[in-house]
Amino acid sequence: MLFNRHFRLLTIIVTFSIFSCVEKVPITGRKQLSLVPESDLVNMSLTEYQKFLSEHKPLQINDSRAQLVKSVGEKIQAAVIQFMNEKGYGDRIKDYQWEFNTVEDPIVNAWCMPGGKVVVYTGLLPVTQTEEGLAVVMGHEIAHAIARHGNERMSQGLLVQAGGLALQVALSEKPQETQNLFLQSYGIGSTLGVLKYSRNHESEADKMGLVFSAIAGYDPNVAVAFWERMAAQSGGQQVPEFLSTHPSDQTRIADIKAFLPEAMSYYKK
């Protein structure tokens, strides 16, 4: 009887803790569960970002490619700050220390850590082709951070891989595994992860990114052509959608086209 009472009390405490960590994602309104304090992940990103840059030397600021990335990034940064403050989400980005770097690497990739720490790989630029195309990608990657998708993945990973340990405990007891989990959660590593959530995150970042880039002054319509180029880049070798952490090219483009009217409402020429 005493055990049952203790078990019920523990269940109530855990349930209350979980529900207290439920938030709504800006723009989409989806409810999300974030068990890790975002401030802890922002602090962790400061270390991991500098470590990455020490191992992947960024382009000099006088390089035209680095200038382009920084210019686009700062425009989207201003749009994000404007939107978040106007919609009452200012606290969500109050600890951000924005930074935009470009690294010489043929990989077609870009990512954003919590706190606004962005990296674009030079291999992406031939696919983006234009400033507007680059804005599609950077808006998308920044949207992942604003939506705290990495926090969701990190929370899931700590439950599965670290037995539910708190982040600081996991860093102390399982430092390498926790570091790898962090990198994977923000797209810096590679893992199938939790497929359903990952595809949802990608679709959500597409929509949020379009809004941010539209507010920054970039025409959302260019996103369709960009993702068509990305589809061509894969050469028809894309894995089936049910095995992928990303929506299929056809699904993504169709969803973007359906969302364009809303994104255009934020666009001012």
C-alpha atoms as a PDB file:
ATOM      1  CA  MET A   1       0.000   0.000   0.000  1.00  0.00           C
ATOM      2  CA  LEU A   2       2.818   2.378   0.946  1.00  0.00           C
ATOM      3  CA  PHE A   3       4.635   1.479  -2.280  1.00  0.00           C
ATOM      4  CA  ASN A   4       1.501   2.201  -4.302  1.00  0.00           C
ATOM      5  CA  ARG A   5       1.112   5.625  -2.672  1.00  0.00           C
ATOM      6  CA  HIS A   6       4.752   6.474  -3.380  1.00  0.00           C
ATOM      7  CA  PHE A   7       4.402   5.243  -6.951  1.00  0.00           C
ATOM      8  CA  ARG A   8       1.292   7.371  -7.518  1.00  0.00           C
ATOM      9  CA  LEU A   9       3.028  10.407  -6.015  1.00  0.00           C
ATOM     10  CA  LEU A  10       6.070   9.861  -8.234  1.00  0.00           C
ATOM     11  CA  THR A  11       3.794   9.512 -11.278  1.00  0.00           C
ATOM     12  CA  ILE A  12       2.079  12.811 -10.440  1.00  0.00           C
ATOM     13  CA  ILE A  13       5.424  14.583  -9.993  1.00  0.00           C
ATOM     14  CA  VAL A  14       6.827  13.233 -13.277  1.00  0.00           C
ATOM     15  CA  THR A  15       3.605  14.048 -15.146  1.00  0.00           C
ATOM     16  CA  PHE A  16       3.588  17.593 -13.759  1.00  0.00           C
ATOM     17  CA  SER A  17       7.252  18.034 -14.705  1.00  0.00           C
ATOM     18  CA  ILE A  18       6.588  16.886 -18.271  1.00  0.00           C
ATOM     19  CA  PHE A  19       3.547  19.113 -18.736  1.00  0.00           C
ATOM     20  CA  SER A  20       5.453  22.087 -17.321  1.00  0.00           C
ATOM     21  CA  CYS A  21       7.962  21.605 -20.140  1.00  0.00           C
ATOM     22  CA  VAL A  22       5.365  21.777 -22.915  1.00  0.00           C
ATOM     23  CA  GLU A  23       5.620  24.885 -25.100  1.00  0.00           C
ATOM     24  CA  LYS A  24       4.209  26.058 -28.415  1.00  0.00           C
ATOM     25  CA  VAL A  25       6.379  26.504 -31.498  1.00  0.00           C
ATOM     26  CA  PRO A  26       6.121  30.011 -32.997  1.00  0.00           C
ATOM     27  CA  ILE A  27       4.173  30.275 -36.291  1.00  0.00           C
ATOM     28  CA  THR A  28       2.950  26.661 -36.411  1.00  0.00           C
ATOM     29  CA  GLY A  29       1.604  26.515 -32.852  1.00  0.00           C
ATOM     30  CA  ARG A  30       2.626  22.858 -32.471  1.00  0.00           C
ATOM     31  CA  LYS A  31       3.053  21.723 -28.875  1.00  0.00           C
ATOM     32  CA  GLN A  32       6.533  20.460 -28.086  1.00  0.00           C
ATOM     33  CA  LEU A  33       8.235  18.797 -25.153  1.00  0.00           C
ATOM     34  CA  SER A  34      11.628  20.223 -24.172  1.00  0.00           C
ATOM     35  CA  LEU A  35      13.094  18.558 -21.099  1.00  0.00           C
ATOM     36  CA  VAL A  36      16.497  20.260 -21.361  1.00  0.00           C
ATOM     37  CA  PRO A  37      16.825  23.926 -20.295  1.00  0.00           C
ATOM     38  CA  GLU A  38      17.531  25.847 -23.501  1.00  0.00           C
ATOM     39  CA  SER A  39      20.079  27.989 -21.655  1.00  0.00           C
ATOM     40  CA  ASP A  40      22.163  24.844 -21.028  1.00  0.00           C
ATOM     41  CA  LEU A  41      22.171  24.038 -24.756  1.00  0.00           C
ATOM     42  CA  VAL A  42      23.073  27.631 -25.657  1.00  0.00           C
ATOM     43  CA  ASN A  43      26.050  27.435 -23.295  1.00  0.00           C
ATOM     44  CA  MET A  44      27.048  24.069 -24.722  1.00  0.00           C
ATOM     45  CA  SER A  45      26.860  25.466 -28.248  1.00  0.00           C
ATOM     46  CA  LEU A  46      29.409  28.184 -27.410  1.00  0.00           C
ATOM     47  CA  THR A  47      31.998  25.499 -26.726  1.00  0.00           C
ATOM     48  CA  GLU A  48      31.038  23.179 -29.581  1.00  0.00           C
ATOM     49  CA  TYR A  49      30.882  25.993 -32.151  1.00  0.00           C
ATOM     50  CA  GLN A  50      34.366  27.234 -31.324  1.00  0.00           C
ATOM     51  CA  LYS A  51      35.662  23.663 -31.366  1.00  0.00           C
ATOM     52  CA  PHE A  52      34.154  23.137 -34.818  1.00  0.00           C
ATOM     53  CA  LEU A  53      35.705  26.363 -36.146  1.00  0.00           C
ATOM     54  CA  SER A  54      39.098  25.378 -34.750  1.00  0.00           C
ATOM     55  CA  GLU A  55      38.896  22.157 -36.760  1.00  0.00           C
ATOM     56  CA  HIS A  56      37.293  23.706 -39.882  1.00  0.00           C
ATOM     57  CA  LYS A  57      38.920  27.047 -40.524  1.00  0.00           C
ATOM     58  CA  PRO A  58      36.294  29.582 -41.668  1.00  0.00           C
ATOM     59  CA  LEU A  59      36.797  31.780 -44.716  1.00  0.00           C
ATOM     60  CA  GLN A  60      38.279  35.219 -44.152  1.00  0.00           C
ATOM     61  CA  ILE A  61      35.728  38.000 -43.903  1.00  0.00           C
ATOM     62  CA  ASN A  62      37.099  39.641 -47.071  1.00  0.00           C
ATOM     63  CA  ASP A  63      36.073  36.544 -49.057  1.00  0.00           C
ATOM     64  CA  SER A  64      32.976  37.423 -51.108  1.00  0.00           C
ATOM     65  CA  ARG A  65      31.317  34.118 -50.145  1.00  0.00           C
ATOM     66  CA  ALA A  66      31.766  34.824 -46.440  1.00  0.00           C
ATOM     67  CA  GLN A  67      30.446  38.347 -46.944  1.00  0.00           C
ATOM     68  CA  LEU A  68      27.350  37.020 -48.680  1.00  0.00           C
ATOM     69  CA  VAL A  69      26.615  34.513 -45.921  1.00  0.00           C
ATOM     70  CA  LYS A  70      27.109  37.156 -43.228  1.00  0.00           C
ATOM     71  CA  SER A  71      24.906  39.673 -45.048  1.00  0.00           C
ATOM     72  CA  VAL A  72      22.044  37.230 -45.568  1.00  0.00           C
ATOM     73  CA  GLY A  73      22.400  35.924 -42.025  1.00  0.00           C
ATOM     74  CA  GLU A  74      22.213  39.363 -40.471  1.00  0.00           C
ATOM     75  CA  LYS A  75      19.086  40.232 -42.480  1.00  0.00           C
ATOM     76  CA  ILE A  76      17.353  37.064 -41.294  1.00  0.00           C
ATOM     77  CA  GLN A  77      18.609  37.687 -37.755  1.00  0.00           C
ATOM     78  CA  ALA A  78      16.933  41.113 -37.786  1.00  0.00           C
ATOM     79  CA  ALA A  79      13.726  39.564 -39.170  1.00  0.00           C
ATOM     80  CA  VAL A  80      13.695  36.882 -36.468  1.00  0.00           C
ATOM     81  CA  ILE A  81      14.224  39.421 -33.688  1.00  0.00           C
ATOM     82  CA  GLN A  82      11.458  41.628 -35.101  1.00  0.00           C
ATOM     83  CA  PHE A  83       8.992  38.750 -35.443  1.00  0.00           C
ATOM     84  CA  MET A  84       9.729  37.171 -32.063  1.00  0.00           C
ATOM     85  CA  ASN A  85       9.417  40.465 -30.192  1.00  0.00           C
ATOM     86  CA  GLU A  86       6.182  41.415 -31.960  1.00  0.00           C
ATOM     87  CA  LYS A  87       4.619  38.012 -31.232  1.00  0.00           C
ATOM     88  CA  GLY A  88       5.657  37.893 -27.575  1.00  0.00           C
ATOM     89  CA  TYR A  89       8.398  35.293 -28.011  1.00  0.00           C
ATOM     90  CA  GLY A  90      11.310  37.616 -27.228  1.00  0.00           C
ATOM     91  CA  ASP A  91      12.448  35.563 -24.236  1.00  0.00           C
ATOM     92  CA  ARG A  92      12.962  32.584 -26.530  1.00  0.00           C
ATOM     93  CA  ILE A  93      15.975  34.268 -28.157  1.00  0.00           C
ATOM     94  CA  LYS A  94      17.201  36.563 -25.371  1.00  0.00           C
ATOM     95  CA  ASP A  95      20.428  34.580 -24.883  1.00  0.00           C
ATOM     96  CA  TYR A  96      21.305  34.431 -28.579  1.00  0.00           C
ATOM     97  CA  GLN A  97      24.795  35.544 -29.598  1.00  0.00           C
ATOM     98  CA  TRP A  98      24.478  35.432 -33.373  1.00  0.00           C
ATOM     99  CA  GLU A  99      27.444  34.421 -35.523  1.00  0.00           C
ATOM    100  CA  PHE A 100      27.715  33.498 -39.211  1.00  0.00           C
ATOM    101  CA  ASN A 101      30.671  31.625 -40.687  1.00  0.00           C
ATOM    102  CA  THR A 102      31.460  29.898 -43.978  1.00  0.00           C
ATOM    103  CA  VAL A 103      33.789  26.909 -44.206  1.00  0.00           C
ATOM    104  CA  GLU A 104      35.551  25.549 -47.295  1.00  0.00           C
ATOM    105  CA  ASP A 105      33.984  22.136 -47.772  1.00  0.00           C
ATOM    106  CA  PRO A 106      32.342  20.506 -50.831  1.00  0.00           C
ATOM    107  CA  ILE A 107      29.501  19.096 -48.716  1.00  0.00           C
ATOM    108  CA  VAL A 108      26.090  20.582 -49.540  1.00  0.00           C
ATOM    109  CA  ASN A 109      25.170  21.555 -45.991  1.00  0.00           C
ATOM    110  CA  ALA A 110      24.441  24.290 -43.457  1.00  0.00           C
ATOM    111  CA  TRP A 111      23.305  24.283 -39.833  1.00  0.00           C
ATOM    112  CA  CYS A 112      22.480  26.484 -36.854  1.00  0.00           C
ATOM    113  CA  MET A 113      23.246  25.683 -33.228  1.00  0.00           C
ATOM    114  CA  PRO A 114      21.153  27.118 -30.389  1.00  0.00           C
ATOM    115  CA  GLY A 115      22.127  30.699 -29.705  1.00  0.00           C
ATOM    116  CA  GLY A 116      22.283  31.604 -33.411  1.00  0.00           C
ATOM    117  CA  LYS A 117      25.605  29.947 -34.236  1.00  0.00           C
ATOM    118  CA  VAL A 118      25.461  29.344 -38.008  1.00  0.00           C
ATOM    119  CA  VAL A 119      27.804  27.593 -40.441  1.00  0.00           C
ATOM    120  CA  VAL A 120      27.392  27.392 -44.216  1.00  0.00           C
ATOM    121  CA  TYR A 121      29.562  25.027 -46.286  1.00  0.00           C
ATOM    122  CA  THR A 122      30.894  26.345 -49.595  1.00  0.00           C
ATOM    123  CA  GLY A 123      29.538  23.229 -51.340  1.00  0.00           C
ATOM    124  CA  LEU A 124      26.037  24.591 -50.769  1.00  0.00           C
ATOM    125  CA  LEU A 125      26.581  27.848 -52.686  1.00  0.00           C
ATOM    126  CA  PRO A 126      26.532  26.409 -56.243  1.00  0.00           C
ATOM    127  CA  VAL A 127      23.090  24.978 -55.427  1.00  0.00           C
ATOM    128  CA  THR A 128      21.671  28.112 -53.794  1.00  0.00           C
ATOM    129  CA  GLN A 129      23.061  30.113 -56.772  1.00  0.00           C
ATOM    130  CA  THR A 130      21.672  33.472 -55.620  1.00  0.00           C
ATOM    131  CA  GLU A 131      21.322  35.541 -52.467  1.00  0.00           C
ATOM    132  CA  GLU A 132      17.620  34.636 -52.425  1.00  0.00           C
ATOM    133  CA  GLY A 133      18.395  30.927 -52.688  1.00  0.00           C
ATOM    134  CA  LEU A 134      20.863  31.209 -49.829  1.00  0.00           C
ATOM    135  CA  ALA A 135      18.201  32.970 -47.750  1.00  0.00           C
ATOM    136  CA  VAL A 136      15.907  29.939 -48.196  1.00  0.00           C
ATOM    137  CA  VAL A 137      18.501  27.645 -46.623  1.00  0.00           C
ATOM    138  CA  MET A 138      19.641  29.997 -43.879  1.00  0.00           C
ATOM    139  CA  GLY A 139      16.066  30.807 -42.948  1.00  0.00           C
ATOM    140  CA  HIS A 140      15.345  27.081 -42.755  1.00  0.00           C
ATOM    141  CA  GLU A 141      18.378  26.286 -40.583  1.00  0.00           C
ATOM    142  CA  ILE A 142      17.807  29.239 -38.259  1.00  0.00           C
ATOM    143  CA  ALA A 143      14.170  28.142 -37.961  1.00  0.00           C
ATOM    144  CA  HIS A 144      15.347  24.787 -36.583  1.00  0.00           C
ATOM    145  CA  ALA A 145      17.071  26.641 -33.742  1.00  0.00           C
ATOM    146  CA  ILE A 146      14.184  29.040 -33.116  1.00  0.00           C
ATOM    147  CA  ALA A 147      11.740  26.116 -33.010  1.00  0.00           C
ATOM    148  CA  ARG A 148      14.086  24.290 -30.616  1.00  0.00           C
ATOM    149  CA  HIS A 149      14.005  21.138 -32.683  1.00  0.00           C
ATOM    150  CA  GLY A 150      17.458  20.214 -31.416  1.00  0.00           C
ATOM    151  CA  ASN A 151      16.187  20.455 -27.855  1.00  0.00           C
ATOM    152  CA  GLU A 152      13.412  18.001 -28.670  1.00  0.00           C
ATOM    153  CA  ARG A 153      15.875  15.583 -30.261  1.00  0.00           C
ATOM    154  CA  MET A 154      18.305  16.060 -27.384  1.00  0.00           C
ATOM    155  CA  SER A 155      15.533  15.382 -24.868  1.00  0.00           C
ATOM    156  CA  GLN A 156      14.558  12.194 -26.705  1.00  0.00           C
ATOM    157  CA  GLY A 157      18.188  11.129 -26.951  1.00  0.00           C
ATOM    158  CA  LEU A 158      18.861  11.654 -23.256  1.00  0.00           C
ATOM    159  CA  LEU A 159      15.848   9.496 -22.444  1.00  0.00           C
ATOM    160  CA  VAL A 160      16.938   6.727 -24.824  1.00  0.00           C
ATOM    161  CA  GLN A 161      20.736   6.840 -24.817  1.00  0.00           C
ATOM    162  CA  ALA A 162      21.509   8.250 -21.367  1.00  0.00           C
ATOM    163  CA  GLY A 163      18.710   6.618 -19.382  1.00  0.00           C
ATOM    164  CA  GLY A 164      16.961   9.911 -18.691  1.00  0.00           C
ATOM    165  CA  LEU A 165      19.957  11.634 -17.129  1.00  0.00           C
ATOM    166  CA  ALA A 166      19.874  15.420 -16.842  1.00  0.00           C
ATOM    167  CA  LEU A 167      22.159  17.180 -19.332  1.00  0.00           C
ATOM    168  CA  GLN A 168      24.767  18.262 -16.798  1.00  0.00           C
ATOM    169  CA  VAL A 169      24.909  14.769 -15.273  1.00  0.00           C
ATOM    170  CA  ALA A 170      25.169  13.185 -18.724  1.00  0.00           C
ATOM    171  CA  LEU A 171      28.019  15.557 -19.623  1.00  0.00           C
ATOM    172  CA  SER A 172      29.822  14.510 -16.464  1.00  0.00           C
ATOM    173  CA  GLU A 173      29.193  10.769 -16.614  1.00  0.00           C
ATOM    174  CA  LYS A 174      29.004  10.219 -20.389  1.00  0.00           C
ATOM    175  CA  PRO A 175      30.825  13.187 -21.946  1.00  0.00           C
ATOM    176  CA  GLN A 176      31.617  11.699 -25.385  1.00  0.00           C
ATOM    177  CA  GLU A 177      28.185  10.149 -25.893  1.00  0.00           C
ATOM    178  CA  THR A 178      26.519  13.410 -24.835  1.00  0.00           C
ATOM    179  CA  GLN A 179      28.706  15.486 -27.148  1.00  0.00           C
ATOM    180  CA  ASN A 180      27.889  13.166 -30.068  1.00  0.00           C
ATOM    181  CA  LEU A 181      24.200  13.373 -29.228  1.00  0.00           C
ATOM    182  CA  PHE A 182      24.379  17.181 -29.264  1.00  0.00           C
ATOM    183  CA  LEU A 183      26.079  17.245 -32.664  1.00  0.00           C
ATOM    184  CA  GLN A 184      23.579  14.787 -34.116  1.00  0.00           C
ATOM    185  CA  SER A 185      20.649  16.729 -32.664  1.00  0.00           C
ATOM    186  CA  TYR A 186      21.676  19.832 -34.593  1.00  0.00           C
ATOM    187  CA  GLY A 187      22.479  18.143 -37.888  1.00  0.00           C
ATOM    188  CA  ILE A 188      26.250  18.231 -37.446  1.00  0.00           C
ATOM    189  CA  GLY A 189      26.405  14.443 -37.198  1.00  0.00           C
ATOM    190  CA  SER A 190      24.304  11.928 -39.100  1.00  0.00           C
ATOM    191  CA  THR A 191      21.693   9.598 -37.672  1.00  0.00           C
ATOM    192  CA  LEU A 192      18.238   8.333 -38.575  1.00  0.00           C
ATOM    193  CA  GLY A 193      17.025   9.390 -35.138  1.00  0.00           C
ATOM    194  CA  VAL A 194      13.296   9.368 -34.506  1.00  0.00           C
ATOM    195  CA  LEU A 195      12.017   9.374 -38.082  1.00  0.00           C
ATOM    196  CA  LYS A 196       8.518  10.780 -37.604  1.00  0.00           C
ATOM    197  CA  TYR A 197       9.658  13.728 -35.515  1.00  0.00           C
ATOM    198  CA  SER A 198      12.571  14.507 -37.787  1.00  0.00           C
ATOM    199  CA  ARG A 199      10.349  14.762 -40.857  1.00  0.00           C
ATOM    200  CA  ASN A 200       7.925  16.963 -38.934  1.00  0.00           C
ATOM    201  CA  HIS A 201      10.779  19.189 -37.866  1.00  0.00           C
ATOM    202  CA  GLU A 202      11.947  19.611 -41.449  1.00  0.00           C
ATOM    203  CA  SER A 203       8.473  20.583 -42.648  1.00  0.00           C
ATOM    204  CA  GLU A 204       8.066  22.994 -39.749  1.00  0.00           C
ATOM    205  CA  ALA A 205      11.435  24.612 -40.450  1.00  0.00           C
ATOM    206  CA  ASP A 206      10.470  25.037 -44.118  1.00  0.00           C
ATOM    207  CA  LYS A 207       7.402  27.078 -43.121  1.00  0.00           C
ATOM    208  CA  MET A 208       9.084  29.113 -40.402  1.00  0.00           C
ATOM    209  CA  GLY A 209      12.113  29.762 -42.594  1.00  0.00           C
ATOM    210  CA  LEU A 210       9.913  31.096 -45.377  1.00  0.00           C
ATOM    211  CA  VAL A 211       8.314  33.558 -42.970  1.00  0.00           C
ATOM    212  CA  PHE A 212      11.670  34.740 -41.632  1.00  0.00           C
ATOM    213  CA  SER A 213      13.212  35.166 -45.088  1.00  0.00           C
ATOM    214  CA  ALA A 214      10.052  36.949 -46.311  1.00  0.00           C
ATOM    215  CA  ILE A 215      10.248  39.456 -43.451  1.00  0.00           C
ATOM    216  CA  ALA A 216      13.935  39.910 -44.350  1.00  0.00           C
ATOM    217  CA  GLY A 217      12.857  40.980 -47.837  1.00  0.00           C
ATOM    218  CA  TYR A 218      13.340  37.767 -49.825  1.00  0.00           C
ATOM    219  CA  ASP A 219      10.592  36.491 -52.129  1.00  0.00           C
ATOM    220  CA  PRO A 220       9.285  33.155 -50.729  1.00  0.00           C
ATOM    221  CA  ASN A 221       8.550  31.914 -54.259  1.00  0.00           C
ATOM    222  CA  VAL A 222      12.256  31.260 -54.866  1.00  0.00           C
ATOM    223  CA  ALA A 223      12.053  28.358 -52.397  1.00  0.00           C
ATOM    224  CA  VAL A 224      10.325  26.160 -54.965  1.00  0.00           C
ATOM    225  CA  ALA A 225      13.133  26.523 -57.516  1.00  0.00           C
ATOM    226  CA  PHE A 226      15.766  25.979 -54.832  1.00  0.00           C
ATOM    227  CA  TRP A 227      14.247  22.707 -53.604  1.00  0.00           C
ATOM    228  CA  GLU A 228      13.826  21.579 -57.199  1.00  0.00           C
ATOM    229  CA  ARG A 229      17.575  22.114 -57.654  1.00  0.00           C
ATOM    230  CA  MET A 230      18.194  20.143 -54.460  1.00  0.00           C
ATOM    231  CA  ALA A 231      16.042  17.334 -55.839  1.00  0.00           C
ATOM    232  CA  ALA A 232      18.083  17.349 -59.053  1.00  0.00           C
ATOM    233  CA  GLN A 233      21.260  17.344 -56.939  1.00  0.00           C
ATOM    234  CA  SER A 234      20.262  13.981 -55.476  1.00  0.00           C
ATOM    235  CA  GLY A 235      20.146  12.530 -58.999  1.00  0.00           C
ATOM    236  CA  GLY A 236      17.074  10.476 -58.222  1.00  0.00           C
ATOM    237  CA  GLN A 237      18.939   8.538 -55.545  1.00  0.00           C
ATOM    238  CA  GLN A 238      16.799   9.685 -52.625  1.00  0.00           C
ATOM    239  CA  VAL A 239      15.837   6.919 -50.208  1.00  0.00           C
ATOM    240  CA  PRO A 240      12.134   6.147 -49.660  1.00  0.00           C
ATOM    241  CA  GLU A 241      10.444   8.738 -47.451  1.00  0.00           C
ATOM    242  CA  PHE A 242       9.615   6.241 -44.697  1.00  0.00           C
ATOM    243  CA  LEU A 243      13.370   5.578 -44.279  1.00  0.00           C
ATOM    244  CA  SER A 244      14.379   9.232 -44.430  1.00  0.00           C
ATOM    245  CA  THR A 245      14.582  11.931 -41.772  1.00  0.00           C
ATOM    246  CA  HIS A 246      13.537  14.454 -44.456  1.00  0.00           C
ATOM    247  CA  PRO A 247      10.287  14.698 -46.398  1.00  0.00           C
ATOM    248  CA  SER A 248      10.498  13.430 -49.972  1.00  0.00           C
ATOM    249  CA  ASP A 249      11.335  16.093 -52.541  1.00  0.00           C
ATOM    250  CA  GLN A 250       7.827  15.901 -53.983  1.00  0.00           C
ATOM    251  CA  THR A 251       6.197  16.188 -50.548  1.00  0.00           C
ATOM    252  CA  ARG A 252       8.389  19.102 -49.520  1.00  0.00           C
ATOM    253  CA  ILE A 253       7.795  21.098 -52.709  1.00  0.00           C
ATOM    254  CA  ALA A 254       4.047  20.473 -52.559  1.00  0.00           C
ATOM    255  CA  ASP A 255       3.891  21.571 -48.922  1.00  0.00           C
ATOM    256  CA  ILE A 256       5.917  24.710 -49.673  1.00  0.00           C
ATOM    257  CA  LYS A 257       3.617  25.626 -52.562  1.00  0.00           C
ATOM    258  CA  ALA A 258       0.602  25.204 -50.275  1.00  0.00           C
ATOM    259  CA  PHE A 259       2.186  27.471 -47.643  1.00  0.00           C
ATOM    260  CA  LEU A 260       3.291  30.205 -50.074  1.00  0.00           C
ATOM    261  CA  PRO A 261       0.142  32.367 -49.718  1.00  0.00           C
ATOM    262  CA  GLU A 262       0.734  32.687 -45.967  1.00  0.00           C
ATOM    263  CA  ALA A 263       4.473  33.300 -46.418  1.00  0.00           C
ATOM    264  CA  MET A 264       3.742  35.982 -49.004  1.00  0.00           C
ATOM    265  CA  SER A 265       1.633  37.873 -46.475  1.00  0.00           C
ATOM    266  CA  TYR A 266       4.902  38.684 -44.672  1.00  0.00           C
ATOM    267  CA  TYR A 267       6.752  39.739 -47.835  1.00  0.00           C
ATOM    268  CA  LYS A 268       7.195  43.431 -48.545  1.00  0.00           C
ATOM    269  CA  LYS A 269       9.130  44.350 -51.692  1.00  0.00           C
END
